[in-house]
Protein backbone atom coordinates (compact mmCIF):
# COMPACT_ATOMS: atom_id res chain seq x y z
CA MET A 1 13.09 -28.29 37.55
CA MET A 2 9.52 -27.92 39.83
CA LEU A 3 7.78 -23.99 40.01
CA GLN A 4 9.71 -23.64 36.26
CA LYS A 5 6.52 -21.33 36.02
CA ARG A 6 6.40 -19.52 38.02
CA ILE A 7 10.40 -19.01 37.20
CA ASP A 8 9.19 -18.04 34.28
CA ARG A 9 6.52 -15.34 34.53
CA ALA A 10 8.43 -13.85 37.25
CA MET A 11 11.25 -13.35 35.26
CA ASP A 12 9.65 -12.13 32.49
CA TRP A 13 7.47 -9.34 34.72
CA LEU A 14 11.12 -8.24 35.77
CA LYS A 15 12.54 -7.37 31.87
CA LYS A 16 8.86 -6.20 31.38
CA GLN A 17 9.91 -3.63 34.45
CA ASN A 18 13.70 -3.10 33.22
CA LYS A 19 12.14 -1.77 29.44
CA SER A 20 8.95 1.07 31.26
CA GLU A 21 12.78 1.91 33.64
CA VAL A 22 14.91 2.12 31.14
CA ASP A 23 12.59 4.29 28.87
CA ASP A 24 11.52 6.89 31.49
CA SER A 25 15.22 6.74 31.85
CA ASN A 26 15.96 8.38 29.51
CA GLU A 27 13.03 10.40 29.12
CA GLU A 28 15.17 11.98 31.60
CA LEU A 29 18.44 12.60 30.45
CA GLU A 30 16.66 13.49 27.29
CA LYS A 31 15.17 16.34 29.41
CA ASP A 32 18.38 16.98 31.02
CA GLU A 33 20.88 17.59 28.60
CA GLU A 34 21.08 21.39 28.68
CA TYR A 35 24.14 23.35 27.78
CA VAL A 36 26.38 24.64 30.64
CA GLU A 37 28.48 27.19 30.25
CA LEU A 38 31.95 27.78 31.95
CA GLU A 39 32.31 30.44 33.62
CA LYS A 40 36.04 32.02 33.53
CA ASN A 41 36.92 31.20 36.57
CA ASP A 42 35.42 27.84 36.75
CA ILE A 43 38.73 26.80 34.20
CA LEU A 44 40.82 28.20 36.77
CA ALA A 45 38.80 25.65 39.53
CA LEU A 46 39.80 22.89 36.91
CA PHE A 47 43.51 23.67 36.94
CA ILE A 48 43.93 23.69 40.44
CA SER A 49 41.74 21.09 41.18
CA SER A 50 43.45 18.79 38.31
CA LEU A 51 46.61 19.82 40.24
CA LEU A 52 45.72 18.62 43.76
CA VAL A 53 45.01 15.61 42.20
CA PHE A 54 47.57 14.72 39.73
CA GLY A 55 50.39 16.44 41.16
CA PRO A 56 51.36 14.74 44.00
CA ILE A 57 51.23 11.63 41.92
CA VAL A 58 53.65 13.35 39.49
CA LEU A 59 56.22 14.33 42.28
CA VAL A 60 56.51 10.19 43.14
CA LEU A 61 57.12 9.40 39.69
CA ILE A 62 59.74 12.24 39.28
CA GLY A 63 61.23 11.11 43.36
CA ILE A 64 61.31 7.28 41.68
CA ILE A 65 62.80 8.29 38.22
CA ILE A 66 65.67 10.26 40.17
CA TRP A 67 66.65 7.55 42.74
CA ALA A 68 66.23 4.88 39.83
CA TYR A 69 68.98 7.05 38.02
CA LYS A 70 71.25 8.03 40.80
CA LEU A 71 71.92 4.25 41.42
């Protein structure tokens, strides 16, 4: 293949760059792994948001089930 040495050199350089980026990101993740405590109102907010997301889906499924049994 034409210019194979250059391609190999470029691939080696990319592999070294990826290794250094992975090492840096692992160090940042270890620093950011602090335990975050939830407050009293956070649980309520999570519950309400889950109802807003999954509520319409559940209602549509219930409607389909009721409609299917009426046929």
